[in-house]
């Protein structure tokens, strides 16, 4: 939001918002006169506050009770008045200990949502990458009853998954073993899209005894490596109940709408996915989220990734009255540390 504010108005707005974030109360002219360091009278401050109210940056909740920032006021604060505090090294060390490399991806992501919630005292959220983005290390096929096949998958990020698939025809144990050996020897460490394209090309080009094996490899690998359909584990949330203690969100109807949105996940996931190609931290304040239940909230997000690929988005959901100077660098630091844990060969951030 581009607004031309003179230096006094900028300083008073920054002081008012900082004071309100700290205390949660409307800020009066006398308090601003003492806290701002400006050599101006309370009457002058009242005039400047009236101007800020007229352009929609502050509001007076009650007559003569001081003013509070609006969502637009917070936007100006975040964009042009905020002084970011870097995360202290001791805190980074504690975060790194909670996100140690070597754990499976699912455990890391769960730890990340819990860590974001504990550090912010609000809701921590992490989107879960699709399994197709990870290469597999080893695959086994075990025949079950009828045409069903148990797939045992070990991924390069240490996750192990068991899936049951139903191919179009029944495969003998010998065919399943032969196909698994073929996939393990030729495609371990390569992503699904690359495997599929190579198999289809080879199948198109071959006219040999390999055709039957390649046909089996195409069908079984597409089902086995495509990810389980209808998975609900596309987003991890932690700390939703922390919002029940937030003064600004204490209205029961608002809380119910908020918790219903958390339960559905879909709308929040779509919001987060809008930021997956963002450069660094994005901040959505109030109506900017496009979600009515989040009107009184701020969402701070950052993408995370490994090996040069973006895998997902993490962030914090809390009230608009949050310590932006602390939450914004914390979200970025968490994204960097999660990426390092998912890519342990890279230099630590």
Protein backbone atom coordinates (compact mmCIF):
# COMPACT_ATOMS: atom_id res chain seq x y z
CA UNK A 1 0.00 0.00 0.00
CA UNK A 2 1.70 3.19 -1.21
CA UNK A 3 0.93 6.21 0.93
CA UNK A 4 2.83 9.44 1.23
CA UNK A 5 3.23 9.99 4.98
CA UNK A 6 5.43 12.73 6.39
CA UNK A 7 8.17 11.65 8.84
CA UNK A 8 6.13 12.64 11.94
CA UNK A 9 3.09 10.64 10.83
CA UNK A 10 5.30 7.64 10.02
CA UNK A 11 6.97 7.78 13.41
CA UNK A 12 3.67 8.12 15.26
CA UNK A 13 2.11 5.26 13.30
CA UNK A 14 5.11 3.02 14.02
CA UNK A 15 4.98 3.95 17.71
CA UNK A 16 1.23 3.37 17.95
CA UNK A 17 1.39 -0.05 16.27
CA UNK A 18 4.41 -1.19 18.28
CA UNK A 19 2.71 -0.11 21.50
CA UNK A 20 -0.56 -1.81 20.55
CA UNK A 21 1.20 -5.06 19.60
CA UNK A 22 2.94 -5.02 22.98
CA UNK A 23 -0.05 -4.09 25.19
CA UNK A 24 -3.17 -4.95 23.20
CA UNK A 25 -4.88 -1.70 24.23
CA UNK A 26 -5.94 1.42 22.29
CA UNK A 27 -3.14 4.00 22.36
CA UNK A 28 -3.95 7.57 23.43
CA UNK A 29 -2.33 10.84 22.40
CA UNK A 30 -0.59 11.37 25.73
CA UNK A 31 0.99 7.91 25.56
CA UNK A 32 2.15 8.63 22.00
CA UNK A 33 3.61 11.97 23.09
CA UNK A 34 5.68 10.20 25.76
CA UNK A 35 6.71 7.18 23.65
CA UNK A 36 7.37 8.67 20.22
CA UNK A 37 10.23 10.96 21.21
CA UNK A 38 8.71 13.76 19.13
CA UNK A 39 8.73 17.26 20.55
CA UNK A 40 5.08 17.97 19.71
CA UNK A 41 2.01 18.66 21.80
CA UNK A 42 -0.77 16.11 22.43
CA UNK A 43 -3.05 18.38 20.37
CA UNK A 44 -0.73 18.09 17.35
CA UNK A 45 -0.63 14.34 17.83
CA UNK A 46 -4.44 14.23 17.93
CA UNK A 47 -4.56 16.11 14.62
CA UNK A 48 -2.10 13.67 13.01
CA UNK A 49 -4.10 10.74 14.42
CA UNK A 50 -7.28 12.20 12.93
CA UNK A 51 -5.53 12.35 9.55
CA UNK A 52 -4.35 8.72 9.88
CA UNK A 53 -7.89 7.69 10.80
CA UNK A 54 -9.31 9.51 7.80
CA UNK A 55 -7.07 7.55 5.39
CA UNK A 56 -7.94 4.27 7.10
CA UNK A 57 -4.70 3.39 8.91
CA UNK A 58 -6.04 3.64 12.48
CA UNK A 59 -9.45 3.41 14.10
CA UNK A 60 -11.02 4.56 17.37
CA UNK A 61 -12.90 1.60 18.91
CA UNK A 62 -14.47 3.82 21.59
CA UNK A 63 -14.85 7.57 21.99
CA UNK A 64 -11.82 9.18 23.66
CA UNK A 65 -10.19 5.79 24.27
CA UNK A 66 -7.23 6.08 21.93
CA UNK A 67 -6.72 4.34 18.62
CA UNK A 68 -5.76 0.94 17.27
CA UNK A 69 -4.25 0.01 13.89
CA UNK A 70 -6.46 -1.26 11.07
CA UNK A 71 -5.45 -4.05 8.69
CA UNK A 72 -4.35 -1.32 6.25
CA UNK A 73 -2.29 0.24 9.02
CA UNK A 74 -0.57 -3.08 9.69
CA UNK A 75 0.12 -3.40 5.95
CA UNK A 76 1.91 -0.02 5.86
CA UNK A 77 3.77 -1.01 9.04
CA UNK A 78 4.97 -4.33 7.58
CA UNK A 79 5.86 -2.87 4.18
CA UNK A 80 7.70 0.28 5.17
CA UNK A 81 7.98 0.87 8.93
CA UNK A 82 8.99 -2.50 10.36
CA UNK A 83 12.46 -2.98 11.79
CA UNK A 84 13.21 -6.71 11.55
CA UNK A 85 15.12 -8.37 14.39
CA UNK A 86 17.42 -11.18 13.20
CA UNK A 87 16.90 -14.52 14.92
CA UNK A 88 19.52 -14.93 17.62
CA UNK A 89 22.11 -17.66 17.12
CA UNK A 90 21.10 -19.47 20.32
CA UNK A 91 17.53 -19.66 19.03
CA UNK A 92 18.72 -20.87 15.61
CA UNK A 93 20.69 -23.63 17.36
CA UNK A 94 17.58 -24.76 19.24
CA UNK A 95 15.58 -24.73 16.02
CA UNK A 96 18.27 -26.72 14.21
CA UNK A 97 18.25 -29.33 17.00
CA UNK A 98 14.49 -29.78 16.50
CA UNK A 99 14.93 -30.19 12.75
CA UNK A 100 17.86 -32.58 12.65
CA UNK A 101 18.66 -34.24 9.34
CA UNK A 102 18.20 -37.99 9.10
CA UNK A 103 14.61 -38.26 10.28
CA UNK A 104 11.95 -39.17 7.73
CA UNK A 105 10.30 -36.30 5.90
CA UNK A 106 6.94 -36.80 7.64
CA UNK A 107 8.58 -36.58 11.07
CA UNK A 108 10.51 -33.47 10.03
CA UNK A 109 7.39 -31.73 8.76
CA UNK A 110 5.45 -32.61 11.91
CA UNK A 111 8.32 -31.26 14.04
CA UNK A 112 8.33 -28.10 11.92
CA UNK A 113 4.63 -27.32 12.45
CA UNK A 114 5.05 -27.92 16.20
CA UNK A 115 8.16 -25.74 16.31
CA UNK A 116 6.47 -22.85 14.49
CA UNK A 117 3.53 -23.03 16.87
CA UNK A 118 5.69 -23.20 20.00
CA UNK A 119 7.90 -20.29 18.93
CA UNK A 120 5.09 -18.02 17.76
CA UNK A 121 2.45 -19.16 20.28
CA UNK A 122 0.03 -19.27 17.34
CA UNK A 123 -0.74 -21.89 14.67
CA UNK A 124 2.13 -23.54 12.80
CA UNK A 125 1.38 -24.87 9.33
CA UNK A 126 3.38 -26.85 6.75
CA UNK A 127 2.25 -28.18 3.37
CA UNK A 128 3.32 -31.76 2.63
CA UNK A 129 5.14 -32.37 -0.67
CA UNK A 130 3.62 -34.89 -3.05
CA UNK A 131 5.50 -38.17 -2.91
CA UNK A 132 6.05 -37.95 -6.66
CA UNK A 133 8.55 -35.14 -5.98
CA UNK A 134 10.85 -37.58 -4.18
CA UNK A 135 12.94 -40.25 -5.87
CA UNK A 136 12.68 -43.82 -4.63
CA UNK A 137 15.65 -45.81 -3.37
CA UNK A 138 14.18 -49.32 -3.51
CA UNK A 139 10.90 -50.97 -4.50
CA UNK A 140 9.43 -54.42 -3.89
CA UNK A 141 6.18 -55.98 -5.17
CA UNK A 142 4.42 -58.67 -3.11
CA UNK A 143 1.44 -60.54 -4.67
CA UNK A 144 -1.76 -60.57 -2.60
CA UNK A 145 -5.15 -62.15 -3.31
CA UNK A 146 -6.69 -61.73 -6.77
CA UNK A 147 -4.92 -59.03 -8.78
CA UNK A 148 -3.89 -56.92 -5.79
CA UNK A 149 -0.22 -56.20 -5.18
CA UNK A 150 1.50 -54.84 -2.06
CA UNK A 151 4.14 -52.23 -2.93
CA UNK A 152 6.95 -51.59 -0.43
CA UNK A 153 8.67 -48.28 -1.24
CA UNK A 154 11.79 -46.83 0.34
CA UNK A 155 12.33 -43.18 -0.70
CA UNK A 156 15.61 -41.28 -0.79
CA UNK A 157 14.41 -39.07 2.10
CA UNK A 158 14.18 -42.15 4.39
CA UNK A 159 10.40 -42.48 4.21
CA UNK A 160 9.05 -46.02 3.91
CA UNK A 161 5.53 -46.51 2.52
CA UNK A 162 3.39 -49.58 1.94
CA UNK A 163 0.68 -49.30 -0.72
CA UNK A 164 -1.80 -51.72 -2.19
CA UNK A 165 -2.46 -51.38 -5.92
CA UNK A 166 -4.74 -53.24 -8.33
CA UNK A 167 -3.19 -53.59 -11.81
CA UNK A 168 -5.31 -54.23 -14.88
CA UNK A 169 -4.20 -57.87 -14.97
CA UNK A 170 -2.80 -60.43 -12.54
CA UNK A 171 1.00 -60.70 -12.37
CA UNK A 172 2.89 -63.82 -11.35
CA UNK A 173 5.39 -63.62 -8.46
CA UNK A 174 8.17 -64.10 -11.04
CA UNK A 175 6.93 -61.15 -13.14
CA UNK A 176 6.68 -58.92 -10.04
CA UNK A 177 10.20 -59.83 -8.92
CA UNK A 178 11.60 -59.26 -12.41
CA UNK A 179 9.88 -55.86 -12.65
CA UNK A 180 11.11 -54.77 -9.21
CA UNK A 181 14.69 -55.77 -10.08
CA UNK A 182 14.45 -53.85 -13.35
CA UNK A 183 13.14 -50.68 -11.69
CA UNK A 184 15.69 -50.86 -8.85
CA UNK A 185 18.65 -51.35 -11.16
CA UNK A 186 17.67 -48.75 -13.79
CA UNK A 187 15.60 -46.08 -12.02
CA UNK A 188 16.49 -45.85 -8.31
CA UNK A 189 17.24 -42.23 -7.43
CA UNK A 190 15.21 -40.75 -10.31
CA UNK A 191 11.89 -38.84 -9.99
CA UNK A 192 8.59 -40.33 -11.15
CA UNK A 193 8.07 -38.04 -14.16
CA UNK A 194 11.49 -39.00 -15.52
CA UNK A 195 10.86 -42.72 -14.93
CA UNK A 196 7.52 -42.62 -16.74
CA UNK A 197 8.88 -40.71 -19.74
CA UNK A 198 11.87 -43.06 -20.11
CA UNK A 199 9.75 -46.21 -19.81
CA UNK A 200 7.23 -45.02 -22.37
CA UNK A 201 9.99 -44.03 -24.80
CA UNK A 202 11.73 -47.39 -24.40
CA UNK A 203 8.43 -49.22 -24.82
CA UNK A 204 7.71 -47.30 -28.03
CA UNK A 205 11.16 -47.97 -29.43
CA UNK A 206 11.54 -51.63 -28.51
CA UNK A 207 10.41 -54.61 -30.57
CA UNK A 208 12.16 -57.23 -28.48
CA UNK A 209 11.45 -59.63 -25.64
CA UNK A 210 11.78 -56.59 -23.35
CA UNK A 211 8.32 -55.38 -24.39
CA UNK A 212 6.43 -57.47 -21.82
CA UNK A 213 8.75 -56.40 -19.00
CA UNK A 214 8.55 -52.75 -20.00
CA UNK A 215 4.74 -52.91 -20.17
CA UNK A 216 4.63 -54.32 -16.65
CA UNK A 217 7.11 -51.69 -15.43
CA UNK A 218 5.02 -48.86 -16.91
CA UNK A 219 1.76 -50.00 -15.31
CA UNK A 220 3.15 -51.02 -11.91
CA UNK A 221 5.40 -47.97 -11.52
CA UNK A 222 2.63 -45.51 -12.45
CA UNK A 223 0.36 -46.93 -9.76
CA UNK A 224 3.10 -47.53 -7.20
CA UNK A 225 4.94 -44.21 -7.46
CA UNK A 226 2.01 -41.90 -8.19
CA UNK A 227 1.13 -41.38 -4.54
CA UNK A 228 -1.88 -42.72 -2.66
CA UNK A 229 -5.12 -41.18 -4.02
CA UNK A 230 -7.28 -39.08 -1.73
CA UNK A 231 -4.61 -38.53 0.90
CA UNK A 232 -5.58 -36.00 3.57
CA UNK A 233 -2.00 -35.50 4.69
CA UNK A 234 -1.44 -32.53 2.37
CA UNK A 235 -1.06 -30.03 5.20
CA UNK A 236 0.02 -30.28 8.84
CA UNK A 237 -1.36 -27.89 11.46
CA UNK A 238 -0.22 -27.48 15.06
CA UNK A 239 -1.40 -25.24 17.88
CA UNK A 240 -4.93 -24.37 16.74
CA UNK A 241 -6.13 -24.24 20.36
CA UNK A 242 -3.60 -21.50 21.11
CA UNK A 243 -5.89 -19.07 19.27
CA UNK A 244 -8.59 -19.61 21.89
CA UNK A 245 -6.53 -17.48 24.28
CA UNK A 246 -6.06 -14.60 21.83
CA UNK A 247 -8.05 -11.56 22.93
CA UNK A 248 -8.91 -10.38 19.40
CA UNK A 249 -10.26 -13.80 18.36
CA UNK A 250 -12.25 -14.58 21.51
CA UNK A 251 -15.66 -14.23 19.83
CA UNK A 252 -17.16 -17.76 19.80
CA UNK A 253 -18.72 -17.45 16.33
CA UNK A 254 -15.42 -16.25 14.87
CA UNK A 255 -13.51 -19.07 16.57
CA UNK A 256 -15.97 -21.64 15.27
CA UNK A 257 -15.58 -20.38 11.69
CA UNK A 258 -11.81 -20.40 12.11
CA UNK A 259 -11.72 -23.97 13.42
CA UNK A 260 -14.03 -25.13 10.64
CA UNK A 261 -11.60 -23.63 8.11
CA UNK A 262 -8.73 -25.48 9.82
CA UNK A 263 -10.75 -28.68 9.68
CA UNK A 264 -11.54 -28.33 5.97
CA UNK A 265 -7.92 -27.39 5.16
CA UNK A 266 -8.69 -26.93 1.45
CA UNK A 267 -9.03 -23.11 1.42
CA UNK A 268 -5.97 -22.59 3.64
CA UNK A 269 -3.97 -25.01 1.49
CA UNK A 270 -4.93 -23.02 -1.63
CA UNK A 271 -3.80 -19.80 0.07
CA UNK A 272 -0.45 -21.34 0.98
CA UNK A 273 0.06 -22.77 -2.50
CA UNK A 274 -0.31 -19.26 -3.94
CA UNK A 275 3.03 -18.45 -2.29
CA UNK A 276 4.98 -21.54 -3.35
CA UNK A 277 7.03 -19.60 -5.92
CA UNK A 278 7.43 -16.48 -3.77
CA UNK A 279 10.88 -15.12 -3.09
CA UNK A 280 11.12 -15.28 0.68
CA UNK A 281 8.42 -14.38 3.19
CA UNK A 282 4.90 -13.31 2.24
CA UNK A 283 2.50 -11.67 4.71
CA UNK A 284 -1.30 -11.73 4.27
CA UNK A 285 -3.18 -9.41 6.63
CA UNK A 286 -6.92 -9.71 7.27
CA UNK A 287 -8.98 -9.61 4.07
CA UNK A 288 -5.84 -10.10 1.95
CA UNK A 289 -6.12 -13.83 2.66
CA UNK A 290 -9.37 -13.96 0.67
CA UNK A 291 -10.87 -16.18 3.39
CA UNK A 292 -13.66 -14.74 5.55
CA UNK A 293 -12.74 -16.85 8.65
CA UNK A 294 -9.23 -15.32 8.53
CA UNK A 295 -10.39 -11.69 8.39
CA UNK A 296 -9.00 -11.03 11.87
CA UNK A 297 -5.81 -13.00 11.22
CA UNK A 298 -2.41 -12.64 9.61
CA UNK A 299 -0.73 -15.46 7.68
CA UNK A 300 3.08 -15.33 7.37
CA UNK A 301 4.49 -17.83 4.86
CA UNK A 302 7.75 -18.88 3.21
CA UNK A 303 8.51 -21.63 0.68
CA UNK A 304 10.94 -24.43 1.58
CA UNK A 305 12.82 -26.81 -0.65
CA UNK A 306 15.83 -29.06 -1.20
CA UNK A 307 18.24 -29.83 -4.02
CA UNK A 308 17.21 -26.64 -5.80
CA UNK A 309 13.51 -27.61 -5.92
CA UNK A 310 10.65 -25.97 -4.01
CA UNK A 311 8.78 -28.69 -2.12
CA UNK A 312 6.16 -26.78 -0.14
CA UNK A 313 5.25 -23.82 2.06
CA UNK A 314 5.35 -23.30 5.81
CA UNK A 315 4.14 -20.48 8.02
CA UNK A 316 2.30 -19.08 11.01
CA UNK A 317 -1.38 -18.17 11.33
CA UNK A 318 -2.20 -15.77 14.15
CA UNK A 319 -4.02 -12.53 14.99
CA UNK A 320 -3.21 -9.33 13.12
CA UNK A 321 -1.74 -8.12 16.41
CA UNK A 322 1.41 -10.18 16.29
CA UNK A 323 5.10 -9.40 16.75
CA UNK A 324 5.91 -9.13 13.04
CA UNK A 325 9.52 -8.16 13.74
CA UNK A 326 10.04 -11.57 15.38
CA UNK A 327 7.65 -13.83 13.45
CA UNK A 328 8.80 -12.86 9.92
CA UNK A 329 12.51 -13.74 10.41
CA UNK A 330 11.53 -16.83 12.44
CA UNK A 331 9.44 -18.16 9.53
CA UNK A 332 12.28 -17.55 7.07
CA UNK A 333 14.84 -19.18 9.37
CA UNK A 334 12.58 -22.23 9.80
CA UNK A 335 12.20 -22.57 6.02
CA UNK A 336 15.99 -22.44 5.62
CA UNK A 337 16.58 -25.01 8.37
CA UNK A 338 13.91 -27.38 7.06
CA UNK A 339 15.42 -27.20 3.59
CA UNK A 340 18.85 -28.00 5.06
CA UNK A 341 17.43 -30.98 6.97
CA UNK A 342 15.83 -32.31 3.79
CA UNK A 343 19.10 -31.79 1.89
CA UNK A 344 21.80 -32.79 4.42
CA UNK A 345 24.60 -32.71 1.81
CA UNK A 346 24.18 -28.93 1.41
CA UNK A 347 26.03 -26.45 3.67
CA UNK A 348 24.07 -25.64 6.86
CA UNK A 349 22.35 -22.22 6.88
